[in-house]
Amino acid sequence: MKIQTGYMPFREYKTYYRIVGDLNSEKTPLLLLHGGPGSTHNYFEVFDQLAEETGRPIIMYDQLGCGKSSIPDDKDLWKADTWVDELKTLREYLGLKQVHLLGQSWGGMLAIIYMCDHNPQGVKSLILASTLSSSRLWAQEQHRMIKFMSPEDQAAITQAESTANYTAPGYLKANEHFMLQHASGPITEQSPEFLRRPKISGKTSYVTAWGPNEYFPTGNLKDYDYTDKLKNITTPTLVTSGTDDLCTPLVAKTMVDQLPSVEWTLFAHSRHMAFIDETASYMKRLNKWLAKND
């Protein structure tokens, strides 16, 4: 399978991209928007197999502020408008007139903002993977799940939130427990190479745009709420989530209830990355969806 990598000029910076397969294929490309902000494209390399098995080209990239892309020292950049502008620029640069668009976690928020506020042309279908339409509801649901943790972990998280000190050993341990339960990991020697590979996470972009952790949004996305705008997305939309996901079934259903043309697949044995936790089932479902909406 042909893999092409390169850099796109973006403003005075550069954005790293990776294309798997042939963009001249008769199949509509799948464009992937990673989470974070600042999580890098790495985990999306699990989708290489979809390109190999179906011949569908797949494009992934490191958003500005992480990975192999530029990481400028300018906190004013870390807001939705920057990443929407980058997405628009990338589609134009690579000539992506028609795409299927998949956004996971923050990437799904980015996709929602893009679809609702910018009315892009040529998006054949939208896949919202373990994402959200309301930061407030997201925080509410994470705190509901925190109540299932040990008393020690709960106390450490409460202490961190009340003092804004996110460096105490007890808190770090509690946060690790929470993320292992609902997000991803652990990374072991048996994990795929793309998960083991060292990556440059966008810590500054994450904290500036979102906050110190998944459950306490304090950044400039803390008031993000597109729930009422979802009814304007007429593009066929697939919502995917896991039963033990940061994107809880309530968060997913809140989106599903608003979207006019929607299907929802809930993966019974998955956390925040169903395409990692249940790869075969996820790829089968996604391939069926893409073929139907080509």
C-alpha atoms as a PDB file:
ATOM      1  CA  MET A   1       0.000   0.000   0.000  1.00  0.00           C
ATOM      2  CA  LYS A   2       1.368   3.362  -1.069  1.00  0.00           C
ATOM      3  CA  ILE A   3       1.992   5.811   1.795  1.00  0.00           C
ATOM      4  CA  GLN A   4       2.796   9.419   1.038  1.00  0.00           C
ATOM      5  CA  THR A   5       3.804  11.949   3.688  1.00  0.00           C
ATOM      6  CA  GLY A   6       4.507  15.637   3.394  1.00  0.00           C
ATOM      7  CA  TYR A   7       4.111  19.105   4.811  1.00  0.00           C
ATOM      8  CA  MET A   8       1.508  21.685   3.869  1.00  0.00           C
ATOM      9  CA  PRO A   9       2.373  25.361   4.314  1.00  0.00           C
ATOM     10  CA  PHE A  10      -0.158  26.840   6.749  1.00  0.00           C
ATOM     11  CA  ARG A  11       0.159  30.537   7.581  1.00  0.00           C
ATOM     12  CA  GLU A  12       3.827  30.875   8.562  1.00  0.00           C
ATOM     13  CA  TYR A  13       3.870  27.296   9.833  1.00  0.00           C
ATOM     14  CA  LYS A  14       3.642  23.781   8.417  1.00  0.00           C
ATOM     15  CA  THR A  15       1.199  20.911   8.843  1.00  0.00           C
ATOM     16  CA  TYR A  16       2.302  17.284   8.530  1.00  0.00           C
ATOM     17  CA  TYR A  17       0.005  14.970   6.571  1.00  0.00           C
ATOM     18  CA  ARG A  18      -0.023  11.259   5.722  1.00  0.00           C
ATOM     19  CA  ILE A  19      -1.948   9.740   2.810  1.00  0.00           C
ATOM     20  CA  VAL A  20      -2.540   5.992   2.605  1.00  0.00           C
ATOM     21  CA  GLY A  21      -3.529   4.731  -0.845  1.00  0.00           C
ATOM     22  CA  ASP A  22      -4.221   6.592  -4.078  1.00  0.00           C
ATOM     23  CA  LEU A  23      -6.191   9.850  -4.041  1.00  0.00           C
ATOM     24  CA  ASN A  24      -7.110   9.164  -7.682  1.00  0.00           C
ATOM     25  CA  SER A  25      -9.032   6.036  -6.647  1.00  0.00           C
ATOM     26  CA  GLU A  26     -12.704   5.975  -7.655  1.00  0.00           C
ATOM     27  CA  LYS A  27     -13.556   5.686  -3.947  1.00  0.00           C
ATOM     28  CA  THR A  28     -14.173   8.848  -1.956  1.00  0.00           C
ATOM     29  CA  PRO A  29     -11.279   9.526   0.469  1.00  0.00           C
ATOM     30  CA  LEU A  30     -11.747   9.312   4.227  1.00  0.00           C
ATOM     31  CA  LEU A  31     -10.299  12.336   6.055  1.00  0.00           C
ATOM     32  CA  LEU A  32      -9.502  11.821   9.753  1.00  0.00           C
ATOM     33  CA  LEU A  33      -9.507  14.510  12.471  1.00  0.00           C
ATOM     34  CA  HIS A  34      -7.659  13.449  15.628  1.00  0.00           C
ATOM     35  CA  GLY A  35      -8.520  14.261  19.210  1.00  0.00           C
ATOM     36  CA  GLY A  36      -6.937  16.340  21.916  1.00  0.00           C
ATOM     37  CA  PRO A  37      -6.444  19.040  20.907  1.00  0.00           C
ATOM     38  CA  GLY A  38      -2.879  17.789  20.640  1.00  0.00           C
ATOM     39  CA  SER A  39      -3.213  13.998  20.471  1.00  0.00           C
ATOM     40  CA  THR A  40      -1.467  13.524  17.046  1.00  0.00           C
ATOM     41  CA  HIS A  41      -2.481  11.277  14.144  1.00  0.00           C
ATOM     42  CA  ASN A  42      -0.587   8.219  15.445  1.00  0.00           C
ATOM     43  CA  TYR A  43      -3.513   6.100  16.641  1.00  0.00           C
ATOM     44  CA  PHE A  44      -5.273   6.633  13.305  1.00  0.00           C
ATOM     45  CA  GLU A  45      -2.678   4.402  11.633  1.00  0.00           C
ATOM     46  CA  VAL A  46      -5.006   1.559  12.671  1.00  0.00           C
ATOM     47  CA  PHE A  47      -7.084   2.693   9.655  1.00  0.00           C
ATOM     48  CA  ASP A  48      -4.292   1.718   7.240  1.00  0.00           C
ATOM     49  CA  GLN A  49      -5.879  -1.736   7.084  1.00  0.00           C
ATOM     50  CA  LEU A  50      -9.123  -0.227   5.770  1.00  0.00           C
ATOM     51  CA  ALA A  51      -7.204   1.334   2.872  1.00  0.00           C
ATOM     52  CA  GLU A  52      -5.420  -1.951   2.198  1.00  0.00           C
ATOM     53  CA  GLU A  53      -8.577  -4.050   2.285  1.00  0.00           C
ATOM     54  CA  THR A  54     -10.890  -1.744   0.346  1.00  0.00           C
ATOM     55  CA  GLY A  55      -8.652   0.483  -1.790  1.00  0.00           C
ATOM     56  CA  ARG A  56     -10.178   3.582  -0.193  1.00  0.00           C
ATOM     57  CA  PRO A  57      -7.618   6.397   0.270  1.00  0.00           C
ATOM     58  CA  ILE A  58      -7.261   7.692   3.818  1.00  0.00           C
ATOM     59  CA  ILE A  59      -5.798  11.027   4.894  1.00  0.00           C
ATOM     60  CA  MET A  60      -4.626  11.862   8.405  1.00  0.00           C
ATOM     61  CA  TYR A  61      -2.616  14.787   9.705  1.00  0.00           C
ATOM     62  CA  ASP A  62      -1.121  16.306  12.846  1.00  0.00           C
ATOM     63  CA  GLN A  63      -3.053  19.424  13.698  1.00  0.00           C
ATOM     64  CA  LEU A  64      -1.008  22.547  14.366  1.00  0.00           C
ATOM     65  CA  GLY A  65       0.445  22.409  17.884  1.00  0.00           C
ATOM     66  CA  CYS A  66       1.398  18.734  18.043  1.00  0.00           C
ATOM     67  CA  GLY A  67       3.228  15.824  16.446  1.00  0.00           C
ATOM     68  CA  LYS A  68       5.297  16.519  13.354  1.00  0.00           C
ATOM     69  CA  SER A  69       3.501  19.798  12.635  1.00  0.00           C
ATOM     70  CA  SER A  70       4.707  23.197  13.837  1.00  0.00           C
ATOM     71  CA  ILE A  71       4.308  23.903  17.547  1.00  0.00           C
ATOM     72  CA  PRO A  72       4.462  27.699  17.792  1.00  0.00           C
ATOM     73  CA  ASP A  73       4.818  29.394  21.163  1.00  0.00           C
ATOM     74  CA  ASP A  74       1.664  31.458  20.769  1.00  0.00           C
ATOM     75  CA  LYS A  75      -1.292  30.664  23.009  1.00  0.00           C
ATOM     76  CA  ASP A  76      -3.596  32.856  20.918  1.00  0.00           C
ATOM     77  CA  LEU A  77      -3.465  30.190  18.209  1.00  0.00           C
ATOM     78  CA  TRP A  78      -5.035  27.434  20.293  1.00  0.00           C
ATOM     79  CA  LYS A  79      -8.694  27.957  19.464  1.00  0.00           C
ATOM     80  CA  ALA A  80     -11.232  26.355  17.156  1.00  0.00           C
ATOM     81  CA  ASP A  81     -10.878  28.982  14.399  1.00  0.00           C
ATOM     82  CA  THR A  82      -7.217  28.090  13.851  1.00  0.00           C
ATOM     83  CA  TRP A  83      -7.922  24.386  13.393  1.00  0.00           C
ATOM     84  CA  VAL A  84     -10.968  25.007  11.174  1.00  0.00           C
ATOM     85  CA  ASP A  85      -8.811  27.254   8.971  1.00  0.00           C
ATOM     86  CA  GLU A  86      -6.166  24.505   8.852  1.00  0.00           C
ATOM     87  CA  LEU A  87      -8.776  21.908   7.845  1.00  0.00           C
ATOM     88  CA  LYS A  88     -10.080  24.140   5.040  1.00  0.00           C
ATOM     89  CA  THR A  89      -6.532  24.805   3.853  1.00  0.00           C
ATOM     90  CA  LEU A  90      -5.694  21.091   3.841  1.00  0.00           C
ATOM     91  CA  ARG A  91      -8.731  20.167   1.760  1.00  0.00           C
ATOM     92  CA  GLU A  92      -7.808  22.808  -0.774  1.00  0.00           C
ATOM     93  CA  TYR A  93      -4.093  21.943  -0.762  1.00  0.00           C
ATOM     94  CA  LEU A  94      -4.718  18.226  -1.363  1.00  0.00           C
ATOM     95  CA  GLY A  95      -7.619  18.822  -3.754  1.00  0.00           C
ATOM     96  CA  LEU A  96     -10.122  16.978  -1.563  1.00  0.00           C
ATOM     97  CA  LYS A  97     -13.321  18.071  -3.315  1.00  0.00           C
ATOM     98  CA  GLN A  98     -15.276  15.063  -2.045  1.00  0.00           C
ATOM     99  CA  VAL A  99     -14.588  13.419   1.323  1.00  0.00           C
ATOM    100  CA  HIS A 100     -16.031  11.338   4.090  1.00  0.00           C
ATOM    101  CA  LEU A 101     -15.093  13.159   7.316  1.00  0.00           C
ATOM    102  CA  LEU A 102     -14.368  11.286  10.559  1.00  0.00           C
ATOM    103  CA  GLY A 103     -13.659  13.238  13.741  1.00  0.00           C
ATOM    104  CA  GLN A 104     -12.826  11.491  17.006  1.00  0.00           C
ATOM    105  CA  SER A 105     -13.193  13.224  20.396  1.00  0.00           C
ATOM    106  CA  TRP A 106     -11.966  16.825  19.913  1.00  0.00           C
ATOM    107  CA  GLY A 107     -11.759  15.987  16.198  1.00  0.00           C
ATOM    108  CA  GLY A 108     -15.514  15.406  16.250  1.00  0.00           C
ATOM    109  CA  MET A 109     -16.042  18.791  17.895  1.00  0.00           C
ATOM    110  CA  LEU A 110     -13.926  20.305  15.116  1.00  0.00           C
ATOM    111  CA  ALA A 111     -16.037  18.500  12.504  1.00  0.00           C
ATOM    112  CA  ILE A 112     -19.273  19.750  14.117  1.00  0.00           C
ATOM    113  CA  ILE A 113     -18.027  23.355  14.200  1.00  0.00           C
ATOM    114  CA  TYR A 114     -16.893  23.039  10.566  1.00  0.00           C
ATOM    115  CA  MET A 115     -20.223  21.604   9.399  1.00  0.00           C
ATOM    116  CA  CYS A 116     -22.463  23.959  11.382  1.00  0.00           C
ATOM    117  CA  ASP A 117     -20.619  27.269  10.987  1.00  0.00           C
ATOM    118  CA  HIS A 118     -18.895  26.904   7.597  1.00  0.00           C
ATOM    119  CA  ASN A 119     -21.342  24.853   5.527  1.00  0.00           C
ATOM    120  CA  PRO A 120     -18.594  23.027   3.594  1.00  0.00           C
ATOM    121  CA  GLN A 121     -19.276  21.495   0.199  1.00  0.00           C
ATOM    122  CA  GLY A 122     -18.419  17.935  -0.803  1.00  0.00           C
ATOM    123  CA  VAL A 123     -18.729  16.159   2.565  1.00  0.00           C
ATOM    124  CA  LYS A 124     -20.510  12.949   1.543  1.00  0.00           C
ATOM    125  CA  SER A 125     -20.858  11.634   5.073  1.00  0.00           C
ATOM    126  CA  LEU A 126     -19.838  12.492   8.596  1.00  0.00           C
ATOM    127  CA  ILE A 127     -18.608  10.059  11.259  1.00  0.00           C
ATOM    128  CA  LEU A 128     -18.701  11.423  14.815  1.00  0.00           C
ATOM    129  CA  ALA A 129     -16.566   9.038  16.863  1.00  0.00           C
ATOM    130  CA  SER A 130     -16.750   9.289  20.664  1.00  0.00           C
ATOM    131  CA  THR A 131     -17.294  13.033  20.576  1.00  0.00           C
ATOM    132  CA  LEU A 132     -19.620  15.646  22.073  1.00  0.00           C
ATOM    133  CA  SER A 133     -21.922  18.536  21.292  1.00  0.00           C
ATOM    134  CA  SER A 134     -21.767  20.173  24.743  1.00  0.00           C
ATOM    135  CA  SER A 135     -18.777  20.716  27.030  1.00  0.00           C
ATOM    136  CA  ARG A 136     -21.085  21.200  30.011  1.00  0.00           C
ATOM    137  CA  LEU A 137     -22.858  17.875  29.479  1.00  0.00           C
ATOM    138  CA  TRP A 138     -19.484  16.173  28.925  1.00  0.00           C
ATOM    139  CA  ALA A 139     -18.139  17.480  32.247  1.00  0.00           C
ATOM    140  CA  GLN A 140     -21.374  16.487  33.999  1.00  0.00           C
ATOM    141  CA  GLU A 141     -21.122  12.923  32.689  1.00  0.00           C
ATOM    142  CA  GLN A 142     -17.436  12.555  33.576  1.00  0.00           C
ATOM    143  CA  HIS A 143     -18.193  13.648  37.124  1.00  0.00           C
ATOM    144  CA  ARG A 144     -21.019  11.115  37.309  1.00  0.00           C
ATOM    145  CA  MET A 145     -18.520   8.387  36.360  1.00  0.00           C
ATOM    146  CA  ILE A 146     -15.943   9.685  38.840  1.00  0.00           C
ATOM    147  CA  LYS A 147     -18.473   8.743  41.565  1.00  0.00           C
ATOM    148  CA  PHE A 148     -17.820   5.065  40.714  1.00  0.00           C
ATOM    149  CA  MET A 149     -14.124   5.435  41.559  1.00  0.00           C
ATOM    150  CA  SER A 150     -12.494   4.628  44.905  1.00  0.00           C
ATOM    151  CA  PRO A 151     -13.007   7.150  47.729  1.00  0.00           C
ATOM    152  CA  GLU A 152      -9.271   7.967  47.550  1.00  0.00           C
ATOM    153  CA  ASP A 153      -9.397   8.728  43.828  1.00  0.00           C
ATOM    154  CA  GLN A 154     -12.552  10.809  44.201  1.00  0.00           C
ATOM    155  CA  ALA A 155     -11.001  12.827  47.029  1.00  0.00           C
ATOM    156  CA  ALA A 156      -7.813  13.447  45.034  1.00  0.00           C
ATOM    157  CA  ILE A 157      -9.789  14.699  42.013  1.00  0.00           C
ATOM    158  CA  THR A 158     -11.990  16.948  44.184  1.00  0.00           C
ATOM    159  CA  GLN A 159      -8.884  18.363  45.868  1.00  0.00           C
ATOM    160  CA  ALA A 160      -7.207  19.060  42.511  1.00  0.00           C
ATOM    161  CA  GLU A 161     -10.287  20.848  41.171  1.00  0.00           C
ATOM    162  CA  SER A 162     -10.735  22.979  44.292  1.00  0.00           C
ATOM    163  CA  THR A 163      -7.067  24.033  44.447  1.00  0.00           C
ATOM    164  CA  ALA A 164      -6.272  24.019  40.687  1.00  0.00           C
ATOM    165  CA  ASN A 165      -3.206  21.927  41.575  1.00  0.00           C
ATOM    166  CA  TYR A 166      -2.986  19.105  39.040  1.00  0.00           C
ATOM    167  CA  THR A 167       0.465  17.886  40.034  1.00  0.00           C
ATOM    168  CA  ALA A 168      -0.169  16.021  43.310  1.00  0.00           C
ATOM    169  CA  PRO A 169       0.768  12.302  43.145  1.00  0.00           C
ATOM    170  CA  GLY A 170      -2.691  11.240  44.374  1.00  0.00           C
ATOM    171  CA  TYR A 171      -4.413  13.200  41.631  1.00  0.00           C
ATOM    172  CA  LEU A 172      -2.061  11.922  38.912  1.00  0.00           C
ATOM    173  CA  LYS A 173      -2.754   8.354  40.008  1.00  0.00           C
ATOM    174  CA  ALA A 174      -6.527   8.972  40.098  1.00  0.00           C
ATOM    175  CA  ASN A 175      -6.489  10.553  36.644  1.00  0.00           C
ATOM    176  CA  GLU A 176      -4.528   7.598  35.290  1.00  0.00           C
ATOM    177  CA  HIS A 177      -7.126   5.215  36.746  1.00  0.00           C
ATOM    178  CA  PHE A 178      -9.938   7.244  35.154  1.00  0.00           C
ATOM    179  CA  MET A 179      -8.289   7.341  31.729  1.00  0.00           C
ATOM    180  CA  LEU A 180      -7.486   3.617  31.755  1.00  0.00           C
ATOM    181  CA  GLN A 181     -11.121   2.880  32.571  1.00  0.00           C
ATOM    182  CA  HIS A 182     -12.709   5.184  29.998  1.00  0.00           C
ATOM    183  CA  ALA A 183     -10.120   6.289  27.429  1.00  0.00           C
ATOM    184  CA  SER A 184      -7.235   4.009  26.420  1.00  0.00           C
ATOM    185  CA  GLY A 185      -4.183   2.015  27.425  1.00  0.00           C
ATOM    186  CA  PRO A 186      -2.169   0.525  28.896  1.00  0.00           C
ATOM    187  CA  ILE A 187       0.559   0.585  26.242  1.00  0.00           C
ATOM    188  CA  THR A 188       2.547  -2.661  26.390  1.00  0.00           C
ATOM    189  CA  GLU A 189       5.139  -4.421  24.253  1.00  0.00           C
ATOM    190  CA  GLN A 190       2.227  -6.194  22.546  1.00  0.00           C
ATOM    191  CA  SER A 191       0.618  -2.885  21.503  1.00  0.00           C
ATOM    192  CA  PRO A 192       0.866  -1.915  17.812  1.00  0.00           C
ATOM    193  CA  GLU A 193       3.979   0.056  16.892  1.00  0.00           C
ATOM    194  CA  PHE A 194       1.994   3.208  16.133  1.00  0.00           C
ATOM    195  CA  LEU A 195       0.749   3.276  19.746  1.00  0.00           C
ATOM    196  CA  ARG A 196       4.197   2.544  21.219  1.00  0.00           C
ATOM    197  CA  ARG A 197       5.989   5.115  19.069  1.00  0.00           C
ATOM    198  CA  PRO A 198       7.028   8.248  21.001  1.00  0.00           C
ATOM    199  CA  LYS A 199       4.862  11.209  20.079  1.00  0.00           C
ATOM    200  CA  ILE A 200       4.963  14.929  20.655  1.00  0.00           C
ATOM    201  CA  SER A 201       1.670  15.712  22.368  1.00  0.00           C
ATOM    202  CA  GLY A 202       0.328  19.249  22.264  1.00  0.00           C
ATOM    203  CA  LYS A 203       0.195  19.891  25.991  1.00  0.00           C
ATOM    204  CA  THR A 204      -0.084  23.675  25.637  1.00  0.00           C
ATOM    205  CA  SER A 205      -2.758  23.520  22.955  1.00  0.00           C
ATOM    206  CA  TYR A 206      -4.744  21.012  25.055  1.00  0.00           C
ATOM    207  CA  VAL A 207      -4.640  22.988  28.285  1.00  0.00           C
ATOM    208  CA  THR A 208      -5.280  26.319  26.518  1.00  0.00           C
ATOM    209  CA  ALA A 209      -8.210  25.085  24.443  1.00  0.00           C
ATOM    210  CA  TRP A 210      -9.712  22.432  26.727  1.00  0.00           C
ATOM    211  CA  GLY A 211      -8.275  22.235  30.249  1.00  0.00           C
ATOM    212  CA  PRO A 212      -6.137  20.179  32.667  1.00  0.00           C
ATOM    213  CA  ASN A 213      -7.979  16.893  32.083  1.00  0.00           C
ATOM    214  CA  GLU A 214     -11.001  15.369  30.359  1.00  0.00           C
ATOM    215  CA  TYR A 215     -13.545  16.196  33.061  1.00  0.00           C
ATOM    216  CA  PHE A 216     -12.802  19.817  33.960  1.00  0.00           C
ATOM    217  CA  PRO A 217     -12.946  22.043  30.850  1.00  0.00           C
ATOM    218  CA  THR A 218     -11.468  25.427  31.741  1.00  0.00           C
ATOM    219  CA  GLY A 219     -10.055  26.490  28.347  1.00  0.00           C
ATOM    220  CA  ASN A 220     -11.611  28.492  25.552  1.00  0.00           C
ATOM    221  CA  LEU A 221     -13.804  25.516  24.528  1.00  0.00           C
ATOM    222  CA  LYS A 222     -15.460  25.326  27.956  1.00  0.00           C
ATOM    223  CA  ASP A 223     -18.639  27.001  26.671  1.00  0.00           C
ATOM    224  CA  TYR A 224     -18.757  24.937  23.458  1.00  0.00           C
ATOM    225  CA  ASP A 225     -22.383  23.903  22.862  1.00  0.00           C
ATOM    226  CA  TYR A 226     -23.588  22.919  19.409  1.00  0.00           C
ATOM    227  CA  THR A 227     -26.439  20.631  20.475  1.00  0.00           C
ATOM    228  CA  ASP A 228     -29.169  22.914  19.072  1.00  0.00           C
ATOM    229  CA  LYS A 229     -27.222  23.485  15.842  1.00  0.00           C
ATOM    230  CA  LEU A 230     -26.925  19.770  15.026  1.00  0.00           C
ATOM    231  CA  LYS A 231     -30.380  19.843  13.412  1.00  0.00           C
ATOM    232  CA  ASN A 232     -28.817  21.886  10.595  1.00  0.00           C
ATOM    233  CA  ILE A 233     -26.441  19.060   9.612  1.00  0.00           C
ATOM    234  CA  THR A 234     -28.310  17.325   6.779  1.00  0.00           C
ATOM    235  CA  THR A 235     -25.249  15.250   5.782  1.00  0.00           C
ATOM    236  CA  PRO A 236     -25.716  11.534   6.577  1.00  0.00           C
ATOM    237  CA  THR A 237     -24.045  11.027   9.971  1.00  0.00           C
ATOM    238  CA  LEU A 238     -22.804   7.939  11.792  1.00  0.00           C
ATOM    239  CA  VAL A 239     -22.267   8.300  15.539  1.00  0.00           C
ATOM    240  CA  THR A 240     -19.972   5.698  17.117  1.00  0.00           C
ATOM    241  CA  SER A 241     -19.189   5.270  20.811  1.00  0.00           C
ATOM    242  CA  GLY A 242     -18.329   2.675  23.443  1.00  0.00           C
ATOM    243  CA  THR A 243     -20.277   1.571  26.488  1.00  0.00           C
ATOM    244  CA  ASP A 244     -17.381   2.541  28.777  1.00  0.00           C
ATOM    245  CA  ASP A 245     -16.465   5.658  26.797  1.00  0.00           C
ATOM    246  CA  LEU A 246     -15.773   9.220  27.945  1.00  0.00           C
ATOM    247  CA  CYS A 247     -18.508   9.805  25.368  1.00  0.00           C
ATOM    248  CA  THR A 248     -21.170   8.122  27.490  1.00  0.00           C
ATOM    249  CA  PRO A 249     -24.361   6.772  25.918  1.00  0.00           C
ATOM    250  CA  LEU A 250     -26.139   9.928  27.171  1.00  0.00           C
ATOM    251  CA  VAL A 251     -23.601  12.184  25.427  1.00  0.00           C
ATOM    252  CA  ALA A 252     -23.967  10.154  22.229  1.00  0.00           C
ATOM    253  CA  LYS A 253     -27.773  10.039  22.401  1.00  0.00           C
ATOM    254  CA  THR A 254     -27.925  13.800  22.936  1.00  0.00           C
ATOM    255  CA  MET A 255     -26.285  14.187  19.510  1.00  0.00           C
ATOM    256  CA  VAL A 256     -28.317  11.407  17.881  1.00  0.00           C
ATOM    257  CA  ASP A 257     -31.599  12.975  19.023  1.00  0.00           C
ATOM    258  CA  GLN A 258     -30.762  16.221  17.203  1.00  0.00           C
ATOM    259  CA  LEU A 259     -29.219  14.958  13.952  1.00  0.00           C
ATOM    260  CA  PRO A 260     -31.728  14.675  11.077  1.00  0.00           C
ATOM    261  CA  SER A 261     -30.033  11.859   9.129  1.00  0.00           C
ATOM    262  CA  VAL A 262     -28.248   9.653  11.646  1.00  0.00           C
ATOM    263  CA  GLU A 263     -27.301   6.114  12.609  1.00  0.00           C
ATOM    264  CA  TRP A 264     -25.640   5.192  15.908  1.00  0.00           C
ATOM    265  CA  THR A 265     -23.476   2.172  16.643  1.00  0.00           C
ATOM    266  CA  LEU A 266     -22.647   1.523  20.291  1.00  0.00           C
ATOM    267  CA  PHE A 267     -19.674  -0.808  20.737  1.00  0.00           C
ATOM    268  CA  ALA A 268     -20.272  -3.032  23.762  1.00  0.00           C
ATOM    269  CA  HIS A 269     -16.625  -3.649  24.693  1.00  0.00           C
ATOM    270  CA  SER A 270     -15.059  -0.260  23.979  1.00  0.00           C
ATOM    271  CA  ARG A 271     -13.837   2.867  25.655  1.00  0.00           C
ATOM    272  CA  HIS A 272     -12.913   6.143  23.917  1.00  0.00           C
ATOM    273  CA  MET A 273     -11.339   4.530  20.845  1.00  0.00           C
ATOM    274  CA  ALA A 274     -13.611   1.746  19.621  1.00  0.00           C
ATOM    275  CA  PHE A 275     -11.436   1.422  16.512  1.00  0.00           C
ATOM    276  CA  ILE A 276      -8.599   0.307  18.848  1.00  0.00           C
ATOM    277  CA  ASP A 277     -10.626  -1.704  21.395  1.00  0.00           C
ATOM    278  CA  GLU A 278     -12.807  -3.475  18.795  1.00  0.00           C
ATOM    279  CA  THR A 279     -10.867  -2.956  15.579  1.00  0.00           C
ATOM    280  CA  ALA A 280     -12.436  -5.690  13.418  1.00  0.00           C
ATOM    281  CA  SER A 281     -16.034  -4.784  14.354  1.00  0.00           C
ATOM    282  CA  TYR A 282     -15.359  -1.076  13.898  1.00  0.00           C
ATOM    283  CA  MET A 283     -13.783  -1.453  10.451  1.00  0.00           C
ATOM    284  CA  LYS A 284     -16.611  -3.697   9.278  1.00  0.00           C
ATOM    285  CA  ARG A 285     -19.231  -1.162  10.406  1.00  0.00           C
ATOM    286  CA  LEU A 286     -17.339   1.799   8.968  1.00  0.00           C
ATOM    287  CA  ASN A 287     -16.725   0.115   5.618  1.00  0.00           C
ATOM    288  CA  LYS A 288     -20.424  -0.687   5.279  1.00  0.00           C
ATOM    289  CA  TRP A 289     -21.304   2.936   6.096  1.00  0.00           C
ATOM    290  CA  LEU A 290     -18.789   4.428   3.655  1.00  0.00           C
ATOM    291  CA  ALA A 291     -19.848   2.113   0.821  1.00  0.00           C
ATOM    292  CA  LYS A 292     -23.487   3.058   1.382  1.00  0.00           C
ATOM    293  CA  ASN A 293     -22.716   6.787   1.284  1.00  0.00           C
ATOM    294  CA  ASP A 294     -20.185   6.937  -1.561  1.00  0.00           C
END
